[in-house]
């Protein structure tokens, strides 16, 4: 049955609210909403590609500025709104708006930290070509407007691409070598994307003048990207001597501003190591259920051999989606709002280097809802042994675990809740990794607990993925704060995380550029602790469905804020 917006509002209402606000507080809320609208109007103008992906199309022909002047303007705007939002007295706001205020302050602080301190624009050569591809991906891949309209926006953005790549010449100083190598590894795929995929997406357009404009703009993009590739090889790579490590201070600040987690790093490392040891013991236990006489790695190798062929991998995911959804509904684990059926397709070229699977759902403001489940297929240029090693990471059980994480009841279900959430614009736009990735990782364990993964071979995949996330947790801290090398990170993923070498290489590289990928395990542990505390509060009235619907109804804000909304006494997050 299709759930109406009103029904979903009633269903997803938080369990307790303060009394209706007094007139002066209602006036403050009107003022607050006006300030929020003003902030996002300015923010979307600074981030037009993000506005497009969220379903707001007033900036579809614009592109993020990358020059020094553009960065200075961005910082000035953000600091101005930070001052205005901070000045709002929190005690005059409802608890939900109060937390929206905190989330906005933290998000602005995180963006200013990136602009002024972390400086990815100065350290990452891949930032610039990836901005180009991501800015046209939504215009190309979604159907919110006729193709002619979307193509005009593509052309408008492409005409700004050469200037963007030229800004990189002024901005990039001494990048980490691994960042330059990753950018160079991605560029052939990007050239193929602009040379083949993008034109192919607009084959139905017949307007000769429009097609001529596109050919000119796209040709200039390809020429600029080839020149950029040559420049990276000949100029940037030899001087790529910078460190990828953030250092403890910047790492801790990113964690605080992006995730609202202020736990000391040494304590976090203890937490991660404890969960790693727990899951290593669980891996041995489950492996013994498959074959009590064989060593763990031998059992894993045999289980990994049972995988779909490369050509059948996408269909294997598509076939499993409805079964997972039906299990959630039948076992009353949570509400599943109505939404578009996810379409499984290959990961876009510009995302391939650092991800094996991801979910892409149209934004909360989009009228035409679409959902795409991306899976990274083996590179046709790989040798047969490398391809086989990679596909072992997609055993039958792993396919099931990944679709749980990405779709039912992971990212897809959470995105549906966020997209349909009435009222708070902040909660439609803002989110954090410990919530989003923590929820999806938590659901993997949830589905095993509920009996969805009934076979030991399936459970083995869930534990192996938990170990992958544990390894990310530990490697992230050690890479960025304790001097761990890339080779040591690869070895850790293999030895302690029980990962295949191809996956270990991809994950170690990702960790250099994505220091917050500890968010999976950290967020899962936060959700589990919240579930435990919520159960104590509710007593006999506790149900999993009630907990999950309540959690999802609060959006993807930092879990610290959701704890305050769901519990009388929030207590410790871990």
Protein backbone atom coordinates (compact mmCIF):
# COMPACT_ATOMS: atom_id res chain seq x y z
CA UNK A 1 0.00 0.00 0.00
CA UNK A 2 1.32 3.40 -0.89
CA UNK A 3 2.07 5.53 2.15
CA UNK A 4 0.87 9.13 1.88
CA UNK A 5 3.00 12.02 3.07
CA UNK A 6 0.59 12.62 6.00
CA UNK A 7 0.62 8.96 6.98
CA UNK A 8 4.40 8.92 6.86
CA UNK A 9 4.52 12.08 8.97
CA UNK A 10 2.37 10.44 11.64
CA UNK A 11 4.29 7.19 11.37
CA UNK A 12 7.70 8.81 11.61
CA UNK A 13 6.89 11.37 14.31
CA UNK A 14 9.45 11.34 17.11
CA UNK A 15 8.24 9.63 20.24
CA UNK A 16 8.04 12.77 22.34
CA UNK A 17 7.92 16.48 21.73
CA UNK A 18 7.83 19.53 23.95
CA UNK A 19 4.49 21.28 24.45
CA UNK A 20 3.29 23.40 21.53
CA UNK A 21 5.42 26.51 21.30
CA UNK A 22 4.25 29.79 22.71
CA UNK A 23 3.46 32.59 20.23
CA UNK A 24 6.84 34.26 20.67
CA UNK A 25 8.57 30.92 19.92
CA UNK A 26 6.43 30.47 16.82
CA UNK A 27 7.59 33.87 15.69
CA UNK A 28 11.16 32.79 16.36
CA UNK A 29 10.55 29.68 14.27
CA UNK A 30 9.37 31.83 11.37
CA UNK A 31 12.53 33.87 11.70
CA UNK A 32 14.56 30.68 11.97
CA UNK A 33 13.03 29.24 8.82
CA UNK A 34 13.79 32.48 6.99
CA UNK A 35 17.42 32.31 8.07
CA UNK A 36 17.64 28.66 7.00
CA UNK A 37 16.19 29.51 3.60
CA UNK A 38 18.62 32.42 3.19
CA UNK A 39 21.55 30.20 4.11
CA UNK A 40 20.63 27.47 1.64
CA UNK A 41 19.91 29.98 -1.12
CA UNK A 42 23.46 31.25 -0.71
CA UNK A 43 24.92 27.76 -0.21
CA UNK A 44 23.32 26.32 -3.33
CA UNK A 45 24.68 29.24 -5.34
CA UNK A 46 28.15 28.26 -4.09
CA UNK A 47 27.51 24.53 -4.73
CA UNK A 48 25.42 24.33 -7.91
CA UNK A 49 26.31 20.69 -8.65
CA UNK A 50 25.04 19.67 -5.22
CA UNK A 51 21.87 21.69 -5.78
CA UNK A 52 21.29 19.74 -8.99
CA UNK A 53 21.79 16.41 -7.26
CA UNK A 54 19.31 17.42 -4.53
CA UNK A 55 16.67 18.18 -7.13
CA UNK A 56 16.93 21.98 -7.19
CA UNK A 57 17.53 23.17 -10.73
CA UNK A 58 17.94 26.92 -10.49
CA UNK A 59 21.73 26.60 -10.86
CA UNK A 60 21.97 23.79 -13.43
CA UNK A 61 24.08 25.84 -15.83
CA UNK A 62 26.55 26.98 -13.19
CA UNK A 63 29.70 25.38 -11.77
CA UNK A 64 31.53 25.60 -8.46
CA UNK A 65 34.24 28.22 -8.45
CA UNK A 66 37.80 26.98 -7.96
CA UNK A 67 39.89 30.14 -8.15
CA UNK A 68 41.44 31.87 -5.15
CA UNK A 69 38.84 34.61 -5.48
CA UNK A 70 36.00 32.08 -5.47
CA UNK A 71 37.38 30.37 -2.35
CA UNK A 72 37.72 33.71 -0.57
CA UNK A 73 34.11 34.57 -1.45
CA UNK A 74 32.91 31.16 -0.25
CA UNK A 75 34.70 31.55 3.08
CA UNK A 76 33.29 35.07 3.52
CA UNK A 77 29.72 33.87 2.91
CA UNK A 78 30.10 30.91 5.25
CA UNK A 79 31.60 32.98 8.06
CA UNK A 80 28.80 35.50 7.73
CA UNK A 81 26.12 32.85 8.10
CA UNK A 82 28.04 31.11 10.88
CA UNK A 83 27.88 34.35 12.89
CA UNK A 84 24.17 34.84 12.15
CA UNK A 85 23.19 31.26 13.01
CA UNK A 86 25.31 31.22 16.16
CA UNK A 87 23.57 34.38 17.37
CA UNK A 88 20.15 32.67 17.31
CA UNK A 89 19.26 31.88 20.98
CA UNK A 90 18.84 28.09 21.05
CA UNK A 91 16.46 28.19 24.04
CA UNK A 92 13.88 29.96 21.89
CA UNK A 93 13.77 27.08 19.39
CA UNK A 94 11.95 23.77 19.50
CA UNK A 95 14.29 20.89 20.22
CA UNK A 96 14.28 19.78 16.56
CA UNK A 97 15.14 23.29 15.34
CA UNK A 98 17.72 23.60 18.09
CA UNK A 99 19.44 20.52 16.79
CA UNK A 100 19.11 21.74 13.20
CA UNK A 101 20.94 24.87 14.37
CA UNK A 102 23.72 22.78 15.90
CA UNK A 103 23.98 20.67 12.76
CA UNK A 104 24.30 23.75 10.56
CA UNK A 105 26.95 25.32 12.78
CA UNK A 106 28.95 22.11 12.72
CA UNK A 107 28.57 21.70 8.95
CA UNK A 108 29.78 25.24 8.30
CA UNK A 109 32.74 24.71 10.62
CA UNK A 110 33.59 21.52 8.71
CA UNK A 111 33.49 23.34 5.37
CA UNK A 112 35.65 26.17 6.68
CA UNK A 113 38.13 23.63 8.04
CA UNK A 114 38.37 22.12 4.57
CA UNK A 115 38.74 25.50 2.87
CA UNK A 116 41.28 27.05 5.23
CA UNK A 117 43.15 24.16 6.87
CA UNK A 118 42.83 20.78 5.12
CA UNK A 119 42.93 22.43 1.68
CA UNK A 120 41.97 19.54 -0.56
CA UNK A 121 41.88 22.03 -3.43
CA UNK A 122 45.65 22.43 -2.93
CA UNK A 123 46.48 18.77 -2.25
CA UNK A 124 44.28 16.64 -4.53
CA UNK A 125 44.74 16.70 -8.32
CA UNK A 126 41.70 14.46 -8.66
CA UNK A 127 39.39 17.08 -7.17
CA UNK A 128 39.19 19.07 -10.40
CA UNK A 129 38.40 16.40 -13.03
CA UNK A 130 36.04 14.68 -10.60
CA UNK A 131 34.15 17.95 -10.18
CA UNK A 132 33.70 18.09 -13.95
CA UNK A 133 32.33 14.58 -14.25
CA UNK A 134 30.09 14.72 -11.19
CA UNK A 135 28.64 18.06 -12.30
CA UNK A 136 27.28 16.57 -15.53
CA UNK A 137 26.52 13.08 -14.20
CA UNK A 138 23.20 14.07 -12.65
CA UNK A 139 22.22 16.09 -15.72
CA UNK A 140 23.03 13.13 -17.91
CA UNK A 141 21.69 10.28 -15.82
CA UNK A 142 18.34 11.56 -14.56
CA UNK A 143 15.12 12.44 -16.33
CA UNK A 144 13.86 15.48 -14.41
CA UNK A 145 13.61 17.47 -17.67
CA UNK A 146 13.59 16.77 -21.43
CA UNK A 147 17.02 15.81 -22.79
CA UNK A 148 17.30 19.07 -24.75
CA UNK A 149 16.91 21.09 -21.53
CA UNK A 150 19.45 18.98 -19.64
CA UNK A 151 21.90 19.10 -22.55
CA UNK A 152 21.82 22.90 -22.54
CA UNK A 153 22.85 22.79 -18.87
CA UNK A 154 25.61 20.30 -19.70
CA UNK A 155 26.92 22.67 -22.38
CA UNK A 156 26.79 25.64 -20.01
CA UNK A 157 28.83 23.74 -17.43
CA UNK A 158 31.27 22.30 -19.96
CA UNK A 159 32.10 25.78 -21.22
CA UNK A 160 33.48 26.49 -17.73
CA UNK A 161 35.57 23.30 -17.51
CA UNK A 162 38.79 24.63 -19.10
CA UNK A 163 38.83 27.48 -16.58
CA UNK A 164 38.35 24.99 -13.74
CA UNK A 165 41.28 22.85 -14.87
CA UNK A 166 43.36 25.97 -15.36
CA UNK A 167 42.65 26.93 -11.74
CA UNK A 168 44.31 23.67 -10.70
CA UNK A 169 47.59 24.95 -12.18
CA UNK A 170 47.53 27.83 -9.75
CA UNK A 171 46.19 25.88 -6.77
CA UNK A 172 48.09 22.58 -6.67
CA UNK A 173 51.36 22.86 -4.77
CA UNK A 174 53.07 19.64 -3.67
CA UNK A 175 50.30 17.00 -3.60
CA UNK A 176 50.82 13.59 -2.01
CA UNK A 177 52.12 11.23 -4.67
CA UNK A 178 49.32 8.76 -4.08
CA UNK A 179 46.72 11.48 -4.79
CA UNK A 180 48.35 12.26 -8.14
CA UNK A 181 48.58 8.55 -8.96
CA UNK A 182 44.89 8.05 -8.18
CA UNK A 183 43.98 11.02 -10.38
CA UNK A 184 46.06 9.63 -13.24
CA UNK A 185 44.44 6.21 -12.80
CA UNK A 186 40.99 7.80 -13.05
CA UNK A 187 41.63 10.00 -16.07
CA UNK A 188 41.39 7.29 -18.78
CA UNK A 189 37.93 6.42 -17.46
CA UNK A 190 36.98 10.09 -17.41
CA UNK A 191 38.13 10.55 -21.00
CA UNK A 192 36.02 7.55 -21.98
CA UNK A 193 33.09 8.99 -20.02
CA UNK A 194 33.20 12.33 -21.84
CA UNK A 195 34.13 10.80 -25.18
CA UNK A 196 31.51 8.03 -25.24
CA UNK A 197 29.08 7.87 -22.32
CA UNK A 198 28.07 11.53 -22.22
CA UNK A 199 27.38 11.83 -25.98
CA UNK A 200 25.58 8.49 -25.89
CA UNK A 201 23.20 9.74 -23.20
CA UNK A 202 21.90 12.44 -25.55
CA UNK A 203 21.59 10.46 -28.77
CA UNK A 204 17.87 11.23 -28.87
CA UNK A 205 18.47 14.96 -29.27
CA UNK A 206 17.87 16.04 -32.90
CA UNK A 207 18.39 19.81 -32.80
CA UNK A 208 21.41 20.40 -35.11
CA UNK A 209 22.40 23.73 -33.53
CA UNK A 210 22.23 22.28 -30.01
CA UNK A 211 24.27 19.24 -31.05
CA UNK A 212 26.87 21.48 -32.67
CA UNK A 213 27.19 23.52 -29.46
CA UNK A 214 27.58 20.29 -27.50
CA UNK A 215 30.21 18.92 -29.87
CA UNK A 216 32.23 22.11 -29.48
CA UNK A 217 31.94 22.24 -25.69
CA UNK A 218 32.59 18.52 -25.25
CA UNK A 219 35.53 18.63 -27.63
CA UNK A 220 37.05 21.43 -25.59
CA UNK A 221 36.50 19.37 -22.43
CA UNK A 222 38.32 16.35 -23.89
CA UNK A 223 41.20 18.53 -25.06
CA UNK A 224 41.46 20.18 -21.64
CA UNK A 225 41.38 16.81 -19.85
CA UNK A 226 44.12 15.39 -22.11
CA UNK A 227 46.24 18.46 -21.47
CA UNK A 228 45.57 18.09 -17.75
CA UNK A 229 46.62 14.43 -17.90
CA UNK A 230 49.90 15.36 -19.59
CA UNK A 231 50.49 18.13 -17.07
CA UNK A 232 49.95 15.76 -14.15
CA UNK A 233 52.40 13.22 -15.60
CA UNK A 234 55.12 15.63 -16.60
CA UNK A 235 54.85 18.44 -14.06
CA UNK A 236 52.81 17.49 -10.99
CA UNK A 237 53.87 13.88 -10.43
CA UNK A 238 57.60 14.70 -10.09
CA UNK A 239 56.80 17.32 -7.43
CA UNK A 240 54.16 15.26 -5.63
CA UNK A 241 56.12 15.04 -2.41
CA UNK A 242 53.49 16.12 0.10
CA UNK A 243 52.11 13.97 2.89
CA UNK A 244 48.59 12.56 2.70
CA UNK A 245 48.41 12.37 6.51
CA UNK A 246 46.19 14.97 8.16
CA UNK A 247 47.83 14.80 11.56
CA UNK A 248 46.03 14.26 14.86
CA UNK A 249 44.75 17.82 15.27
CA UNK A 250 43.10 18.12 11.83
CA UNK A 251 41.83 14.55 12.02
CA UNK A 252 40.17 15.19 15.39
CA UNK A 253 38.63 18.45 14.15
CA UNK A 254 37.18 16.75 11.06
CA UNK A 255 35.69 14.10 13.33
CA UNK A 256 34.23 16.75 15.62
CA UNK A 257 32.79 19.03 12.95
CA UNK A 258 31.61 16.39 10.47
CA UNK A 259 30.39 13.74 12.92
CA UNK A 260 30.04 15.57 16.26
CA UNK A 261 32.29 12.96 17.85
CA UNK A 262 34.77 14.25 20.41
CA UNK A 263 36.08 10.94 21.75
CA UNK A 264 39.91 11.04 22.10
CA UNK A 265 41.72 9.27 19.25
CA UNK A 266 43.53 6.84 21.54
CA UNK A 267 40.19 5.77 22.99
CA UNK A 268 38.71 5.41 19.51
CA UNK A 269 41.61 3.19 18.52
CA UNK A 270 40.92 0.98 21.53
CA UNK A 271 37.27 0.73 20.50
CA UNK A 272 38.19 -0.19 16.93
CA UNK A 273 40.73 -2.81 17.96
CA UNK A 274 38.25 -4.38 20.38
CA UNK A 275 35.63 -4.68 17.64
CA UNK A 276 38.25 -6.09 15.27
CA UNK A 277 39.17 -8.82 17.77
CA UNK A 278 35.50 -9.58 18.38
CA UNK A 279 34.82 -10.02 14.68
CA UNK A 280 37.98 -12.06 14.11
CA UNK A 281 36.72 -14.50 16.76
CA UNK A 282 33.29 -14.46 15.13
CA UNK A 283 34.89 -15.21 11.75
CA UNK A 284 36.58 -18.30 13.19
CA UNK A 285 33.32 -19.44 14.76
CA UNK A 286 31.30 -19.09 11.55
CA UNK A 287 34.05 -20.61 9.39
CA UNK A 288 33.98 -23.67 11.64
CA UNK A 289 30.27 -24.04 10.88
CA UNK A 290 31.17 -24.30 7.19
CA UNK A 291 34.08 -26.70 7.72
CA UNK A 292 35.34 -27.36 11.25
CA UNK A 293 38.56 -29.01 10.01
CA UNK A 294 39.81 -26.41 7.53
CA UNK A 295 41.73 -23.22 8.38
CA UNK A 296 39.73 -20.00 8.24
CA UNK A 297 41.42 -18.63 5.13
CA UNK A 298 40.93 -21.88 3.27
CA UNK A 299 37.21 -21.81 4.10
CA UNK A 300 37.02 -18.21 2.94
CA UNK A 301 38.84 -19.04 -0.29
CA UNK A 302 36.42 -21.85 -1.07
CA UNK A 303 33.40 -19.70 -0.28
CA UNK A 304 34.85 -16.88 -2.41
CA UNK A 305 35.12 -19.16 -5.42
CA UNK A 306 31.33 -19.36 -5.53
CA UNK A 307 30.67 -16.01 -7.17
CA UNK A 308 28.73 -14.78 -10.18
CA UNK A 309 30.64 -14.37 -13.42
CA UNK A 310 31.63 -10.80 -14.25
CA UNK A 311 28.92 -10.62 -16.89
CA UNK A 312 26.24 -11.79 -14.44
CA UNK A 313 27.25 -9.67 -11.47
CA UNK A 314 24.80 -6.82 -12.06
CA UNK A 315 21.86 -9.19 -12.57
CA UNK A 316 22.74 -11.03 -9.35
CA UNK A 317 22.21 -7.83 -7.41
CA UNK A 318 19.02 -6.95 -9.28
CA UNK A 319 17.57 -10.40 -8.59
CA UNK A 320 18.14 -10.13 -4.84
CA UNK A 321 16.47 -6.78 -4.18
CA UNK A 322 12.84 -7.83 -3.86
CA UNK A 323 13.65 -10.76 -1.59
CA UNK A 324 15.41 -8.46 0.86
CA UNK A 325 12.52 -6.00 0.82
CA UNK A 326 9.95 -8.74 1.38
CA UNK A 327 11.94 -10.08 4.35
CA UNK A 328 11.96 -6.66 6.05
CA UNK A 329 8.21 -6.26 5.66
CA UNK A 330 7.35 -9.83 6.69
CA UNK A 331 9.50 -9.63 9.82
CA UNK A 332 8.28 -6.14 10.77
CA UNK A 333 11.78 -4.74 11.03
CA UNK A 334 10.83 -1.24 9.88
CA UNK A 335 8.54 0.69 7.58
CA UNK A 336 9.61 0.69 3.93
CA UNK A 337 8.18 3.81 2.28
CA UNK A 338 7.13 3.52 -1.33
CA UNK A 339 9.78 4.55 -3.84
CA UNK A 340 11.26 3.79 -7.25
CA UNK A 341 12.68 0.30 -7.75
CA UNK A 342 16.49 0.61 -7.71
CA UNK A 343 18.12 -0.02 -11.08
CA UNK A 344 21.44 -1.85 -10.84
CA UNK A 345 24.08 -0.54 -13.23
CA UNK A 346 27.84 -0.20 -13.56
CA UNK A 347 29.68 2.34 -11.42
CA UNK A 348 30.43 5.55 -13.35
CA UNK A 349 34.08 5.77 -14.49
CA UNK A 350 34.94 8.70 -12.23
CA UNK A 351 33.89 6.70 -9.14
CA UNK A 352 35.52 3.37 -9.96
CA UNK A 353 38.92 3.85 -8.33
CA UNK A 354 37.66 4.10 -4.74
CA UNK A 355 34.36 2.21 -4.51
CA UNK A 356 32.99 -1.25 -5.24
CA UNK A 357 29.28 -0.47 -4.78
CA UNK A 358 27.11 2.55 -3.98
CA UNK A 359 23.51 3.77 -3.97
CA UNK A 360 22.42 6.90 -5.84
CA UNK A 361 18.88 8.12 -5.14
CA UNK A 362 17.43 11.31 -6.55
CA UNK A 363 17.41 14.20 -4.14
CA UNK A 364 14.62 15.12 -1.71
CA UNK A 365 13.46 18.07 -3.82
CA UNK A 366 13.24 16.13 -7.09
CA UNK A 367 9.77 15.59 -8.52
CA UNK A 368 10.78 12.53 -10.56
CA UNK A 369 12.19 9.94 -8.18
CA UNK A 370 14.82 7.51 -9.48
CA UNK A 371 17.25 5.14 -7.75
CA UNK A 372 20.46 3.61 -9.09
CA UNK A 373 22.53 0.89 -7.47
CA UNK A 374 26.10 1.13 -8.78
CA UNK A 375 28.41 -1.90 -8.83
CA UNK A 376 32.05 -1.72 -9.95
CA UNK A 377 32.80 -4.46 -12.46
CA UNK A 378 36.28 -5.85 -13.08
CA UNK A 379 38.39 -3.72 -15.41
CA UNK A 380 38.55 -5.45 -18.83
CA UNK A 381 42.27 -4.63 -18.90
CA UNK A 382 42.95 -6.75 -15.80
CA UNK A 383 44.61 -10.14 -16.12
CA UNK A 384 42.53 -13.25 -15.42
CA UNK A 385 44.11 -13.85 -11.97
CA UNK A 386 43.50 -10.24 -10.88
CA UNK A 387 39.91 -10.40 -12.12
CA UNK A 388 39.30 -13.65 -10.26
CA UNK A 389 40.81 -12.21 -7.08
CA UNK A 390 38.49 -9.23 -7.36
CA UNK A 391 35.38 -11.33 -8.03
CA UNK A 392 36.04 -13.43 -4.93
CA UNK A 393 35.08 -10.29 -3.05
CA UNK A 394 31.60 -10.75 -4.59
CA UNK A 395 30.80 -14.24 -3.37
CA UNK A 396 27.11 -15.17 -3.31
CA UNK A 397 26.95 -14.28 0.37
CA UNK A 398 28.79 -11.02 -0.20
CA UNK A 399 26.37 -10.02 -2.95
CA UNK A 400 23.55 -10.46 -0.46
CA UNK A 401 25.37 -8.49 2.26
CA UNK A 402 26.19 -5.64 -0.12
CA UNK A 403 22.59 -5.31 -1.31
CA UNK A 404 21.49 -5.21 2.34
CA UNK A 405 23.94 -2.36 2.97
CA UNK A 406 23.17 -0.39 -0.18
CA UNK A 407 19.45 -1.02 -0.58
CA UNK A 408 17.24 -2.99 1.83
CA UNK A 409 17.27 -1.93 4.61
CA UNK A 410 20.42 0.19 4.28
CA UNK A 411 21.01 3.36 2.28
CA UNK A 412 17.97 3.10 0.03
CA UNK A 413 15.45 2.84 2.86
CA UNK A 414 17.11 5.64 4.82
CA UNK A 415 17.17 7.86 1.73
CA UNK A 416 13.43 7.26 1.27
CA UNK A 417 12.78 8.44 4.81
CA UNK A 418 14.93 11.53 4.29
CA UNK A 419 13.42 12.34 0.91
CA UNK A 420 9.90 12.14 2.26
CA UNK A 421 10.64 13.95 5.51
CA UNK A 422 8.31 16.92 5.96
CA UNK A 423 9.19 20.14 7.69
CA UNK A 424 12.91 20.47 8.20
CA UNK A 425 14.92 21.61 5.19
CA UNK A 426 18.07 21.03 7.23
CA UNK A 427 17.27 17.34 7.60
CA UNK A 428 16.57 16.99 3.92
CA UNK A 429 20.00 18.37 3.04
CA UNK A 430 22.43 17.74 5.89
CA UNK A 431 23.77 14.35 6.84
CA UNK A 432 26.86 12.77 8.29
CA UNK A 433 28.78 9.59 7.58
CA UNK A 434 28.47 7.99 11.00
CA UNK A 435 24.70 8.14 10.58
CA UNK A 436 24.42 7.22 6.90
CA UNK A 437 27.20 4.63 6.71
CA UNK A 438 26.75 3.58 10.32
CA UNK A 439 23.08 2.81 9.69
CA UNK A 440 23.83 0.80 6.54
CA UNK A 441 26.58 -1.17 8.28
CA UNK A 442 24.32 -1.77 11.27
CA UNK A 443 21.64 -3.25 9.01
CA UNK A 444 24.06 -5.94 7.82
CA UNK A 445 24.27 -7.27 11.38
CA UNK A 446 20.54 -6.69 11.90
CA UNK A 447 19.60 -8.89 8.94
CA UNK A 448 21.81 -11.72 10.21
CA UNK A 449 20.24 -11.41 13.66
CA UNK A 450 16.78 -11.51 12.07
CA UNK A 451 17.58 -14.67 10.08
CA UNK A 452 17.91 -13.27 6.56
CA UNK A 453 21.40 -14.74 6.22
CA UNK A 454 20.52 -18.23 7.39
CA UNK A 455 23.45 -20.14 5.89
CA UNK A 456 26.91 -20.02 7.49
CA UNK A 457 28.38 -19.09 4.09
CA UNK A 458 26.16 -16.01 4.05
CA UNK A 459 27.04 -15.13 7.64
CA UNK A 460 30.71 -15.47 6.77
CA UNK A 461 30.33 -12.65 4.24
CA UNK A 462 28.71 -10.37 6.82
CA UNK A 463 31.54 -10.93 9.29
CA UNK A 464 34.16 -10.46 6.57
CA UNK A 465 32.58 -7.12 5.68
CA UNK A 466 32.52 -6.16 9.35
CA UNK A 467 36.25 -6.89 9.47
CA UNK A 468 36.76 -4.73 6.39
CA UNK A 469 35.09 -1.82 8.21
CA UNK A 470 37.09 -2.54 11.38
CA UNK A 471 40.27 -2.40 9.31
CA UNK A 472 39.16 0.92 7.80
CA UNK A 473 38.56 2.27 11.30
CA UNK A 474 42.05 1.39 12.52
CA UNK A 475 43.88 2.18 9.28
CA UNK A 476 42.25 5.63 9.06
CA UNK A 477 43.57 6.63 12.47
CA UNK A 478 46.99 5.09 11.94
CA UNK A 479 47.46 6.45 8.42
CA UNK A 480 46.62 9.98 9.39
CA UNK A 481 47.88 10.27 12.95
CA UNK A 482 50.49 7.54 13.59
CA UNK A 483 52.64 7.35 10.46
CA UNK A 484 51.30 4.12 8.97
CA UNK A 485 52.52 3.70 5.38
CA UNK A 486 50.45 2.68 2.39
CA UNK A 487 52.17 -0.70 2.26
CA UNK A 488 51.51 -1.26 5.94
CA UNK A 489 47.85 -0.38 5.38
CA UNK A 490 47.58 -2.91 2.55
CA UNK A 491 49.15 -5.57 4.73
CA UNK A 492 46.77 -4.76 7.58
CA UNK A 493 43.70 -5.21 5.39
CA UNK A 494 44.99 -8.62 4.29
CA UNK A 495 46.34 -9.94 7.59
CA UNK A 496 43.90 -8.46 10.10
CA UNK A 497 40.90 -7.65 7.92
CA UNK A 498 41.00 -10.95 5.95
CA UNK A 499 40.61 -9.14 2.61
CA UNK A 500 41.77 -10.11 -0.87
CA UNK A 501 44.84 -8.26 -2.12
CA UNK A 502 42.95 -6.37 -4.84
CA UNK A 503 40.43 -5.11 -2.28
CA UNK A 504 43.22 -4.31 0.19
CA UNK A 505 44.99 -2.16 -2.39
CA UNK A 506 41.81 -0.23 -3.22
CA UNK A 507 40.94 0.24 0.46
CA UNK A 508 44.42 1.41 1.47
CA UNK A 509 44.42 4.00 -1.31
CA UNK A 510 40.96 5.15 -0.34
CA UNK A 511 42.09 5.65 3.24
CA UNK A 512 44.69 8.21 2.21
CA UNK A 513 42.04 10.43 0.61
CA UNK A 514 39.03 9.53 2.78
CA UNK A 515 40.19 9.83 6.39
CA UNK A 516 36.64 9.63 7.72
CA UNK A 517 36.01 6.11 6.40
CA UNK A 518 36.18 4.97 10.00
CA UNK A 519 32.54 6.18 10.06
CA UNK A 520 31.15 2.72 9.17
CA UNK A 521 32.19 0.93 12.35
CA UNK A 522 31.98 4.03 14.52
CA UNK A 523 28.43 4.74 13.36
CA UNK A 524 27.32 1.12 13.72
CA UNK A 525 28.55 1.03 17.30
CA UNK A 526 26.73 4.29 18.01
CA UNK A 527 23.48 2.88 16.59
CA UNK A 528 23.84 -0.33 18.61
CA UNK A 529 24.42 1.66 21.80
CA UNK A 530 21.42 3.85 21.03
CA UNK A 531 19.29 0.75 20.43
CA UNK A 532 20.36 -0.68 23.77
CA UNK A 533 19.61 2.57 25.62
CA UNK A 534 16.30 3.05 23.80
CA UNK A 535 15.28 -0.49 24.75
CA UNK A 536 15.97 0.28 28.42
CA UNK A 537 13.84 3.40 28.16
CA UNK A 538 10.91 1.70 26.43
CA UNK A 539 10.98 -1.52 28.42
CA UNK A 540 8.26 -3.96 27.39
CA UNK A 541 7.01 -1.47 24.79
CA UNK A 542 10.25 -1.75 22.80
CA UNK A 543 10.10 -3.19 19.29
CA UNK A 544 12.74 -3.23 16.60
CA UNK A 545 10.30 -1.64 14.18
CA UNK A 546 9.56 1.13 16.66
CA UNK A 547 13.24 1.81 17.21
CA UNK A 548 14.16 1.76 13.53
CA UNK A 549 11.26 3.97 12.45
CA UNK A 550 12.03 6.43 15.23
CA UNK A 551 15.73 6.54 14.35
CA UNK A 552 15.09 7.01 10.63
CA UNK A 553 12.45 9.68 11.26
CA UNK A 554 15.10 12.04 12.64
CA UNK A 555 17.06 12.22 9.40
CA UNK A 556 20.77 11.72 8.89
CA UNK A 557 22.03 14.23 11.44
CA UNK A 558 24.92 13.31 13.76
CA UNK A 559 23.83 10.50 16.07
CA UNK A 560 24.68 12.59 19.12
CA UNK A 561 21.76 14.87 18.27
CA UNK A 562 19.41 11.97 17.58
CA UNK A 563 20.29 10.45 20.98
CA UNK A 564 19.12 13.69 22.59
CA UNK A 565 15.85 13.55 20.68
CA UNK A 566 15.11 9.88 21.40
CA UNK A 567 16.27 9.56 25.00
CA UNK A 568 15.35 11.44 28.15
CA UNK A 569 18.97 11.23 29.28
CA UNK A 570 21.29 10.92 26.26
CA UNK A 571 24.31 9.47 28.07
CA UNK A 572 27.52 8.32 26.37
CA UNK A 573 27.48 7.57 22.63
CA UNK A 574 29.66 4.46 23.06
